[in-house]
Amino acid sequence: MLNAIAASDGSRSDVIAKLFEQKINDGYLGTFGINENGDPSGAEGAVVGFTIYKATDKLETVTTISPKPAVVEAARG
């Protein structure tokens, strides 16, 4: 996201456009880009999971969801 902001003209629409152009190398999800749906693409070997936080004066982890590999493979088609 910070790279997209730095590459943009500062407008919200250009930040979004630049985000879709980014290619992340060796990030938390591995090496990937963002597809037209806003999902990571090219991170097939990465661990897929989501953490839900509650924000007050600090971030508190509510839950972490990691689908089974078979579910991930089925969703990828």
N, C-alpha and C. Protein backbone atom coordinates (compact mmCIF):
# COMPACT_ATOMS: atom_id res chain seq x y z
N MET A 1 0.83 -1.18 0.00
CA MET A 1 0.00 0.00 0.00
C MET A 1 0.88 1.26 0.00
N LEU A 2 1.91 1.24 0.80
CA LEU A 2 2.78 2.42 0.85
C LEU A 2 3.46 2.67 -0.49
N ASN A 3 3.83 1.60 -1.19
CA ASN A 3 4.43 1.77 -2.52
C ASN A 3 3.42 2.37 -3.49
N ALA A 4 2.16 1.93 -3.40
CA ALA A 4 1.12 2.47 -4.27
C ALA A 4 0.89 3.94 -3.99
N ILE A 5 0.88 4.31 -2.73
CA ILE A 5 0.71 5.73 -2.36
C ILE A 5 1.87 6.55 -2.91
N ALA A 6 3.09 6.04 -2.73
CA ALA A 6 4.28 6.78 -3.19
C ALA A 6 4.29 6.95 -4.71
N ALA A 7 3.78 5.94 -5.44
CA ALA A 7 3.79 6.00 -6.90
C ALA A 7 2.62 6.79 -7.47
N SER A 8 1.65 7.14 -6.64
CA SER A 8 0.44 7.80 -7.12
C SER A 8 0.60 9.32 -7.21
N ASP A 9 -0.44 9.95 -7.78
CA ASP A 9 -0.47 11.42 -7.80
C ASP A 9 -1.11 11.98 -6.53
N GLY A 10 -1.42 11.11 -5.58
CA GLY A 10 -2.00 11.53 -4.31
C GLY A 10 -3.51 11.43 -4.25
N SER A 11 -4.15 11.22 -5.39
CA SER A 11 -5.61 11.09 -5.37
C SER A 11 -5.99 9.67 -4.99
N ARG A 12 -7.15 9.53 -4.39
CA ARG A 12 -7.63 8.21 -3.98
C ARG A 12 -7.73 7.26 -5.18
N SER A 13 -8.25 7.75 -6.29
CA SER A 13 -8.41 6.89 -7.47
C SER A 13 -7.06 6.43 -8.02
N ASP A 14 -6.05 7.29 -7.98
CA ASP A 14 -4.75 6.89 -8.49
C ASP A 14 -4.05 5.93 -7.52
N VAL A 15 -4.25 6.09 -6.23
CA VAL A 15 -3.69 5.14 -5.26
C VAL A 15 -4.25 3.75 -5.53
N ILE A 16 -5.56 3.68 -5.77
CA ILE A 16 -6.19 2.38 -6.07
C ILE A 16 -5.64 1.81 -7.36
N ALA A 17 -5.52 2.64 -8.38
CA ALA A 17 -4.96 2.17 -9.66
C ALA A 17 -3.54 1.65 -9.47
N LYS A 18 -2.73 2.37 -8.71
CA LYS A 18 -1.34 1.96 -8.49
C LYS A 18 -1.26 0.68 -7.65
N LEU A 19 -2.22 0.48 -6.76
CA LEU A 19 -2.24 -0.74 -5.95
C LEU A 19 -2.36 -1.96 -6.83
N PHE A 20 -3.22 -1.88 -7.86
CA PHE A 20 -3.40 -3.00 -8.77
C PHE A 20 -2.17 -3.25 -9.63
N GLU A 21 -1.27 -2.30 -9.73
CA GLU A 21 -0.04 -2.46 -10.51
C GLU A 21 1.11 -3.02 -9.69
N GLN A 22 0.96 -3.10 -8.39
CA GLN A 22 2.05 -3.52 -7.52
C GLN A 22 2.35 -5.02 -7.65
N LYS A 23 3.60 -5.36 -7.53
CA LYS A 23 4.04 -6.75 -7.42
C LYS A 23 4.86 -6.82 -6.14
N ILE A 24 4.42 -7.64 -5.22
CA ILE A 24 5.08 -7.77 -3.93
C ILE A 24 6.06 -8.94 -4.01
N ASN A 25 7.29 -8.71 -3.63
CA ASN A 25 8.32 -9.76 -3.63
C ASN A 25 8.68 -10.10 -2.20
N ASP A 26 8.56 -11.37 -1.86
CA ASP A 26 8.92 -11.88 -0.53
C ASP A 26 8.19 -11.17 0.60
N GLY A 27 6.89 -10.88 0.40
CA GLY A 27 6.07 -10.29 1.45
C GLY A 27 5.55 -11.36 2.40
N TYR A 28 4.65 -11.00 3.29
CA TYR A 28 4.08 -11.95 4.24
C TYR A 28 3.37 -13.11 3.54
N LEU A 29 2.77 -12.84 2.39
CA LEU A 29 2.08 -13.89 1.62
C LEU A 29 2.96 -14.49 0.55
N GLY A 30 4.22 -14.12 0.52
CA GLY A 30 5.11 -14.57 -0.53
C GLY A 30 5.20 -13.52 -1.62
N THR A 31 5.40 -13.94 -2.84
CA THR A 31 5.48 -13.04 -3.98
C THR A 31 4.14 -13.08 -4.70
N PHE A 32 3.53 -11.91 -4.88
CA PHE A 32 2.19 -11.87 -5.46
C PHE A 32 1.87 -10.49 -6.00
N GLY A 33 0.79 -10.41 -6.75
CA GLY A 33 0.23 -9.15 -7.21
C GLY A 33 -1.21 -9.09 -6.75
N ILE A 34 -1.91 -8.04 -7.13
CA ILE A 34 -3.32 -7.90 -6.78
C ILE A 34 -4.12 -7.99 -8.08
N ASN A 35 -5.08 -8.93 -8.13
CA ASN A 35 -5.85 -9.09 -9.37
C ASN A 35 -7.00 -8.09 -9.44
N GLU A 36 -7.78 -8.16 -10.53
CA GLU A 36 -8.87 -7.20 -10.76
C GLU A 36 -9.97 -7.27 -9.71
N ASN A 37 -10.00 -8.35 -8.92
CA ASN A 37 -11.00 -8.48 -7.84
C ASN A 37 -10.46 -7.98 -6.50
N GLY A 38 -9.19 -7.57 -6.48
CA GLY A 38 -8.59 -7.11 -5.24
C GLY A 38 -7.99 -8.24 -4.42
N ASP A 39 -7.91 -9.44 -5.00
CA ASP A 39 -7.36 -10.60 -4.31
C ASP A 39 -5.91 -10.80 -4.69
N PRO A 40 -5.11 -11.41 -3.80
CA PRO A 40 -3.73 -11.69 -4.17
C PRO A 40 -3.69 -12.74 -5.28
N SER A 41 -2.83 -12.56 -6.25
CA SER A 41 -2.66 -13.54 -7.32
C SER A 41 -1.19 -13.91 -7.42
N GLY A 42 -0.94 -15.15 -7.77
CA GLY A 42 0.45 -15.60 -7.88
C GLY A 42 1.04 -16.03 -6.57
N ALA A 43 0.24 -16.13 -5.51
CA ALA A 43 0.74 -16.56 -4.20
C ALA A 43 0.24 -17.96 -3.89
N GLU A 44 0.25 -18.82 -4.91
CA GLU A 44 -0.34 -20.15 -4.75
C GLU A 44 0.28 -20.97 -3.62
N GLY A 45 1.54 -20.75 -3.34
CA GLY A 45 2.17 -21.52 -2.27
C GLY A 45 2.03 -20.89 -0.90
N ALA A 46 1.37 -19.76 -0.83
CA ALA A 46 1.29 -19.02 0.42
C ALA A 46 0.23 -19.59 1.36
N VAL A 47 0.42 -19.34 2.61
CA VAL A 47 -0.58 -19.69 3.62
C VAL A 47 -1.69 -18.65 3.54
N VAL A 48 -2.91 -19.12 3.44
CA VAL A 48 -4.05 -18.22 3.34
C VAL A 48 -4.73 -18.16 4.70
N GLY A 49 -4.96 -16.98 5.19
CA GLY A 49 -5.64 -16.82 6.46
C GLY A 49 -6.04 -15.39 6.67
N PHE A 50 -6.93 -15.19 7.60
CA PHE A 50 -7.44 -13.87 7.89
C PHE A 50 -7.47 -13.68 9.40
N THR A 51 -7.04 -12.54 9.85
CA THR A 51 -7.12 -12.21 11.26
C THR A 51 -8.10 -11.07 11.43
N ILE A 52 -9.00 -11.23 12.38
CA ILE A 52 -9.99 -10.20 12.68
C ILE A 52 -9.58 -9.53 13.98
N TYR A 53 -9.48 -8.20 13.95
CA TYR A 53 -9.07 -7.43 15.10
C TYR A 53 -10.21 -6.56 15.60
N LYS A 54 -10.20 -6.27 16.90
CA LYS A 54 -11.08 -5.28 17.49
C LYS A 54 -10.19 -4.09 17.84
N ALA A 55 -10.57 -2.92 17.33
CA ALA A 55 -9.75 -1.73 17.55
C ALA A 55 -10.41 -0.84 18.58
N THR A 56 -9.69 -0.59 19.67
CA THR A 56 -10.08 0.41 20.67
C THR A 56 -8.87 1.33 20.79
N ASP A 57 -8.30 1.42 21.96
CA ASP A 57 -7.06 2.18 22.08
C ASP A 57 -5.85 1.33 21.67
N LYS A 58 -6.10 0.04 21.37
CA LYS A 58 -5.09 -0.88 20.87
C LYS A 58 -5.79 -1.92 20.01
N LEU A 59 -5.03 -2.67 19.23
CA LEU A 59 -5.60 -3.74 18.43
C LEU A 59 -5.61 -5.03 19.25
N GLU A 60 -6.78 -5.64 19.32
CA GLU A 60 -6.93 -6.90 20.04
C GLU A 60 -7.36 -7.96 19.02
N THR A 61 -6.64 -9.08 18.97
CA THR A 61 -7.00 -10.15 18.06
C THR A 61 -8.27 -10.82 18.56
N VAL A 62 -9.28 -10.88 17.68
CA VAL A 62 -10.53 -11.55 18.01
C VAL A 62 -10.46 -13.01 17.60
N THR A 63 -10.06 -13.25 16.35
CA THR A 63 -9.92 -14.62 15.85
C THR A 63 -9.06 -14.63 14.61
N THR A 64 -8.48 -15.76 14.33
CA THR A 64 -7.75 -15.98 13.09
C THR A 64 -8.38 -17.16 12.39
N ILE A 65 -8.67 -16.99 11.12
CA ILE A 65 -9.33 -18.03 10.34
C ILE A 65 -8.37 -18.50 9.26
N SER A 66 -8.08 -19.78 9.24
CA SER A 66 -7.23 -20.37 8.21
C SER A 66 -7.99 -21.54 7.59
N PRO A 67 -8.48 -21.39 6.37
CA PRO A 67 -9.21 -22.48 5.76
C PRO A 67 -8.29 -23.68 5.47
N LYS A 68 -8.89 -24.85 5.40
CA LYS A 68 -8.13 -26.06 5.08
C LYS A 68 -7.59 -25.97 3.65
N PRO A 69 -6.41 -26.51 3.41
CA PRO A 69 -5.82 -26.44 2.07
C PRO A 69 -6.76 -26.93 0.96
N ALA A 70 -7.55 -27.96 1.22
CA ALA A 70 -8.47 -28.49 0.20
C ALA A 70 -9.52 -27.45 -0.17
N VAL A 71 -9.97 -26.66 0.80
CA VAL A 71 -10.96 -25.62 0.54
C VAL A 71 -10.33 -24.53 -0.32
N VAL A 72 -9.10 -24.16 -0.01
CA VAL A 72 -8.40 -23.14 -0.78
C VAL A 72 -8.22 -23.61 -2.23
N GLU A 73 -7.80 -24.85 -2.41
CA GLU A 73 -7.61 -25.38 -3.75
C GLU A 73 -8.92 -25.42 -4.52
N ALA A 74 -10.01 -25.79 -3.87
CA ALA A 74 -11.31 -25.82 -4.53
C ALA A 74 -11.74 -24.42 -4.97
N ALA A 75 -11.47 -23.43 -4.13
CA ALA A 75 -11.84 -22.05 -4.46
C ALA A 75 -11.01 -21.52 -5.63
N ARG A 76 -9.79 -21.96 -5.71
CA ARG A 76 -8.93 -21.52 -6.82
C ARG A 76 -9.30 -22.17 -8.14
N GLY A 77 -10.08 -23.25 -8.05
CA GLY A 77 -10.54 -23.91 -9.29
C GLY A 77 -9.55 -24.88 -9.79
